[in-house]
């Protein structure tokens, strides 16, 4: 017959065995998730940089009036209060 200590050893062994079996799946999923997020961030970043390059080149060569036009105008919104 088994004693209490033997059942505890058996339970601890089963727990360690289950953890060892689940660990590879956990770490594989974690690595796959990181690579997927990294890939999506890189593709978004490339799109932003492609679109941003054109705007940056125009902004660097613009004078004050042209820069205001690029930004959509330099007028302050009229909120009804005098400053």
C-alpha atoms as a PDB file:
ATOM      1  CA  UNK A   1       0.000   0.000   0.000  1.00  0.00           C
ATOM      2  CA  UNK A   2       0.972   3.542  -0.554  1.00  0.00           C
ATOM      3  CA  UNK A   3       1.496   5.942   2.279  1.00  0.00           C
ATOM      4  CA  UNK A   4       0.709   9.649   2.286  1.00  0.00           C
ATOM      5  CA  UNK A   5       4.281  10.555   1.397  1.00  0.00           C
ATOM      6  CA  UNK A   6       4.160   8.247  -1.620  1.00  0.00           C
ATOM      7  CA  UNK A   7       0.984   9.951  -2.887  1.00  0.00           C
ATOM      8  CA  UNK A   8       2.617  13.350  -2.478  1.00  0.00           C
ATOM      9  CA  UNK A   9       5.657  12.196  -4.443  1.00  0.00           C
ATOM     10  CA  UNK A  10       3.415  10.773  -7.148  1.00  0.00           C
ATOM     11  CA  UNK A  11       1.417  14.028  -7.318  1.00  0.00           C
ATOM     12  CA  UNK A  12       4.550  16.152  -7.464  1.00  0.00           C
ATOM     13  CA  UNK A  13       5.982  13.930 -10.183  1.00  0.00           C
ATOM     14  CA  UNK A  14       2.767  14.237 -12.215  1.00  0.00           C
ATOM     15  CA  UNK A  15       2.813  18.006 -11.802  1.00  0.00           C
ATOM     16  CA  UNK A  16       6.429  18.288 -12.918  1.00  0.00           C
ATOM     17  CA  UNK A  17       5.760  15.943 -15.846  1.00  0.00           C
ATOM     18  CA  UNK A  18       2.762  18.002 -16.983  1.00  0.00           C
ATOM     19  CA  UNK A  19       4.803  21.205 -16.748  1.00  0.00           C
ATOM     20  CA  UNK A  20       7.609  19.686 -18.789  1.00  0.00           C
ATOM     21  CA  UNK A  21       5.146  18.565 -21.453  1.00  0.00           C
ATOM     22  CA  UNK A  22       3.389  21.945 -21.650  1.00  0.00           C
ATOM     23  CA  UNK A  23       6.518  24.127 -21.596  1.00  0.00           C
ATOM     24  CA  UNK A  24       7.547  23.610 -25.256  1.00  0.00           C
ATOM     25  CA  UNK A  25       4.061  24.515 -26.494  1.00  0.00           C
ATOM     26  CA  UNK A  26       4.010  27.619 -24.308  1.00  0.00           C
ATOM     27  CA  UNK A  27       7.396  28.860 -25.462  1.00  0.00           C
ATOM     28  CA  UNK A  28       6.631  28.074 -29.118  1.00  0.00           C
ATOM     29  CA  UNK A  29       3.384  30.057 -28.907  1.00  0.00           C
ATOM     30  CA  UNK A  30       5.129  32.932 -27.188  1.00  0.00           C
ATOM     31  CA  UNK A  31       7.846  33.077 -29.853  1.00  0.00           C
ATOM     32  CA  UNK A  32       5.300  32.808 -32.677  1.00  0.00           C
ATOM     33  CA  UNK A  33       3.243  35.636 -31.178  1.00  0.00           C
ATOM     34  CA  UNK A  34       6.273  37.896 -30.836  1.00  0.00           C
ATOM     35  CA  UNK A  35       7.357  37.288 -34.407  1.00  0.00           C
ATOM     36  CA  UNK A  36       3.845  37.967 -35.708  1.00  0.00           C
ATOM     37  CA  UNK A  37       3.593  41.244 -33.795  1.00  0.00           C
ATOM     38  CA  UNK A  38       7.081  42.264 -34.904  1.00  0.00           C
ATOM     39  CA  UNK A  39       6.214  41.550 -38.542  1.00  0.00           C
ATOM     40  CA  UNK A  40       3.003  43.573 -38.368  1.00  0.00           C
ATOM     41  CA  UNK A  41       4.775  46.507 -36.685  1.00  0.00           C
ATOM     42  CA  UNK A  42       7.536  46.464 -39.291  1.00  0.00           C
ATOM     43  CA  UNK A  43       5.054  46.503 -42.165  1.00  0.00           C
ATOM     44  CA  UNK A  44       3.131  49.375 -40.545  1.00  0.00           C
ATOM     45  CA  UNK A  45       6.341  51.273 -39.926  1.00  0.00           C
ATOM     46  CA  UNK A  46       7.469  50.887 -43.532  1.00  0.00           C
ATOM     47  CA  UNK A  47       4.131  52.249 -44.734  1.00  0.00           C
ATOM     48  CA  UNK A  48       4.387  55.247 -42.425  1.00  0.00           C
ATOM     49  CA  UNK A  49       7.958  55.951 -43.456  1.00  0.00           C
ATOM     50  CA  UNK A  50       7.093  55.688 -47.144  1.00  0.00           C
ATOM     51  CA  UNK A  51       4.245  58.139 -46.718  1.00  0.00           C
ATOM     52  CA  UNK A  52       6.187  60.329 -44.292  1.00  0.00           C
ATOM     53  CA  UNK A  53       9.234  60.696 -46.546  1.00  0.00           C
ATOM     54  CA  UNK A  54       7.322  62.687 -49.119  1.00  0.00           C
ATOM     55  CA  UNK A  55       5.862  65.007 -46.491  1.00  0.00           C
ATOM     56  CA  UNK A  56       9.225  65.434 -44.726  1.00  0.00           C
ATOM     57  CA  UNK A  57      11.007  66.318 -47.978  1.00  0.00           C
ATOM     58  CA  UNK A  58       8.381  68.945 -48.781  1.00  0.00           C
ATOM     59  CA  UNK A  59       8.474  70.354 -45.240  1.00  0.00           C
ATOM     60  CA  UNK A  60      12.271  70.676 -45.232  1.00  0.00           C
ATOM     61  CA  UNK A  61      12.271  72.713 -48.436  1.00  0.00           C
ATOM     62  CA  UNK A  62       9.210  74.834 -47.584  1.00  0.00           C
ATOM     63  CA  UNK A  63       9.265  78.457 -46.515  1.00  0.00           C
ATOM     64  CA  UNK A  64       6.911  79.777 -43.827  1.00  0.00           C
ATOM     65  CA  UNK A  65       3.927  80.282 -46.125  1.00  0.00           C
ATOM     66  CA  UNK A  66       4.326  76.881 -47.786  1.00  0.00           C
ATOM     67  CA  UNK A  67       4.714  75.182 -44.406  1.00  0.00           C
ATOM     68  CA  UNK A  68       1.458  76.735 -43.216  1.00  0.00           C
ATOM     69  CA  UNK A  69      -0.233  75.421 -46.339  1.00  0.00           C
ATOM     70  CA  UNK A  70       1.165  71.917 -45.730  1.00  0.00           C
ATOM     71  CA  UNK A  71      -0.124  71.991 -42.163  1.00  0.00           C
ATOM     72  CA  UNK A  72      -3.589  73.050 -43.260  1.00  0.00           C
ATOM     73  CA  UNK A  73      -3.316  76.744 -42.457  1.00  0.00           C
ATOM     74  CA  UNK A  74      -1.837  78.662 -39.544  1.00  0.00           C
ATOM     75  CA  UNK A  75      -4.940  80.481 -38.359  1.00  0.00           C
ATOM     76  CA  UNK A  76      -6.027  79.986 -34.785  1.00  0.00           C
ATOM     77  CA  UNK A  77      -9.592  78.764 -34.320  1.00  0.00           C
ATOM     78  CA  UNK A  78     -12.069  81.439 -33.315  1.00  0.00           C
ATOM     79  CA  UNK A  79     -13.373  80.405 -29.889  1.00  0.00           C
ATOM     80  CA  UNK A  80     -15.162  83.679 -29.210  1.00  0.00           C
ATOM     81  CA  UNK A  81     -12.718  84.936 -26.602  1.00  0.00           C
ATOM     82  CA  UNK A  82     -10.283  87.797 -27.088  1.00  0.00           C
ATOM     83  CA  UNK A  83      -6.736  87.262 -25.941  1.00  0.00           C
END
